[in-house]
Protein backbone atom coordinates (compact mmCIF):
# COMPACT_ATOMS: atom_id res chain seq x y z
CA UNK A 1 -19.57 -12.59 -13.57
CA UNK A 2 -19.03 -13.60 -9.77
CA UNK A 3 -15.58 -14.30 -8.80
CA UNK A 4 -13.66 -12.34 -11.83
CA UNK A 5 -10.98 -10.79 -10.59
CA UNK A 6 -9.97 -7.31 -13.40
CA UNK A 7 -5.82 -7.07 -13.40
CA UNK A 8 -4.80 -3.80 -13.85
CA UNK A 9 -1.31 -2.41 -14.49
CA UNK A 10 -0.45 0.36 -12.29
CA UNK A 11 3.04 1.11 -12.35
CA UNK A 12 6.41 0.19 -13.39
CA UNK A 13 8.68 -1.28 -10.98
CA UNK A 14 11.98 0.32 -12.08
CA UNK A 15 10.25 3.88 -11.37
CA UNK A 16 8.82 2.72 -7.50
CA UNK A 17 11.01 4.06 -5.41
CA UNK A 18 12.83 1.88 -2.39
CA UNK A 19 11.20 2.35 1.05
CA UNK A 20 9.03 5.25 -0.09
CA UNK A 21 5.28 5.29 -1.06
CA UNK A 22 3.80 6.24 -4.54
CA UNK A 23 0.11 6.96 -4.93
CA UNK A 24 -2.09 4.88 -7.69
CA UNK A 25 -5.32 5.92 -8.40
CA UNK A 26 -8.20 3.46 -9.28
CA UNK A 27 -11.48 4.68 -10.09
CA UNK A 28 -12.65 6.63 -6.71
CA UNK A 29 -10.09 4.29 -4.68
CA UNK A 30 -6.37 5.81 -3.51
CA UNK A 31 -3.55 3.32 -3.60
CA UNK A 32 -0.09 3.46 -1.88
CA UNK A 33 2.81 0.90 -3.21
CA UNK A 34 5.21 0.47 -1.27
CA UNK A 35 8.50 -1.34 -2.90
CA UNK A 36 10.72 -2.91 0.21
CA UNK A 37 14.32 -3.93 0.69
CA UNK A 38 13.82 -7.24 -0.20
CA UNK A 39 12.09 -6.04 -3.42
CA UNK A 40 8.68 -6.79 -2.66
CA UNK A 41 5.56 -4.28 -3.45
CA UNK A 42 2.84 -4.08 -1.68
CA UNK A 43 -0.44 -2.41 -2.00
CA UNK A 44 -3.19 -0.89 0.72
CA UNK A 45 -5.40 2.19 0.92
CA UNK A 46 -3.72 5.20 1.04
CA UNK A 47 -5.38 6.58 4.28
CA UNK A 48 -4.50 5.90 7.60
CA UNK A 49 -7.63 4.38 9.57
CA UNK A 50 -7.78 7.21 12.27
CA UNK A 51 -10.47 9.67 11.98
CA UNK A 52 -7.65 12.21 10.62
CA UNK A 53 -7.04 9.85 7.69
CA UNK A 54 -3.24 10.37 7.50
CA UNK A 55 -1.53 9.79 3.69
CA UNK A 56 0.36 6.71 3.89
CA UNK A 57 2.31 7.81 1.08
CA UNK A 58 4.08 10.55 2.83
CA UNK A 59 4.75 7.83 5.69
CA UNK A 60 8.21 6.60 6.50
CA UNK A 61 8.74 2.73 5.64
CA UNK A 62 10.49 0.35 8.02
CA UNK A 63 10.39 -3.25 7.03
CA UNK A 64 7.21 -4.32 6.14
CA UNK A 65 5.32 -1.61 7.97
CA UNK A 66 4.88 2.00 7.29
CA UNK A 67 4.38 4.89 9.81
CA UNK A 68 1.38 7.31 9.73
CA UNK A 69 2.33 10.70 9.31
CA UNK A 70 -0.11 11.87 11.68
CA UNK A 71 -0.37 9.88 14.38
CA UNK A 72 2.55 7.95 13.99
CA UNK A 73 0.71 4.30 13.79
CA UNK A 74 2.68 1.62 12.98
CA UNK A 75 0.78 -0.48 10.10
CA UNK A 76 1.60 -3.85 8.50
CA UNK A 77 2.01 -3.69 4.74
CA UNK A 78 1.47 -7.77 4.67
CA UNK A 79 -2.18 -7.65 6.22
CA UNK A 80 -3.61 -3.50 6.34
CA UNK A 81 -3.40 -4.20 10.48
CA UNK A 82 -2.48 -1.17 13.12
CA UNK A 83 -0.13 -2.73 15.88
CA UNK A 84 -0.98 -2.42 19.15
CA UNK A 85 -1.64 -0.27 21.32
CA UNK A 86 -3.45 1.31 18.53
CA UNK A 87 -6.58 -0.51 16.70
CA UNK A 88 -7.85 -0.40 13.02
CA UNK A 89 -7.13 -1.98 9.90
CA UNK A 90 -6.62 -0.63 5.94
CA UNK A 91 -7.30 -2.76 2.99
CA UNK A 92 -4.34 -4.24 1.24
CA UNK A 93 -4.39 -5.15 -2.48
CA UNK A 94 -3.23 -8.39 -4.34
CA UNK A 95 0.16 -6.62 -6.38
CA UNK A 96 1.86 -8.56 -9.29
CA UNK A 97 5.01 -8.02 -10.44
CA UNK A 98 5.65 -9.20 -13.87
CA UNK A 99 8.84 -7.62 -15.64
CA UNK A 100 8.83 -4.22 -15.18
CA UNK A 101 5.50 -4.24 -14.96
CA UNK A 102 3.20 -4.00 -11.08
CA UNK A 103 -0.54 -4.83 -11.56
CA UNK A 104 -2.88 -4.40 -9.29
CA UNK A 105 -5.48 -7.60 -9.35
CA UNK A 106 -9.01 -6.49 -7.86
């Protein structure tokens, strides 16, 4: 059916570390979840967009950004865009938190 989205339980909110990455696998896709200091949870691809593809769950989180552990690219958790002067973008995923459950909507 066109337009149908799937809501998948992927983690417990209480188990998600603050300001650190948490990897979940959905099919062949690895998604990095990040809980920032205001409690918001974001989901993005777990690979940096540069050719060496650093694992973003290993990066440092500052505000609503994660820094690639390989090239120190600053990547927005909100829209997945790499901050200039670097270029690139990762896929972002819709995340819903309900009680202690974290869902990804695809």
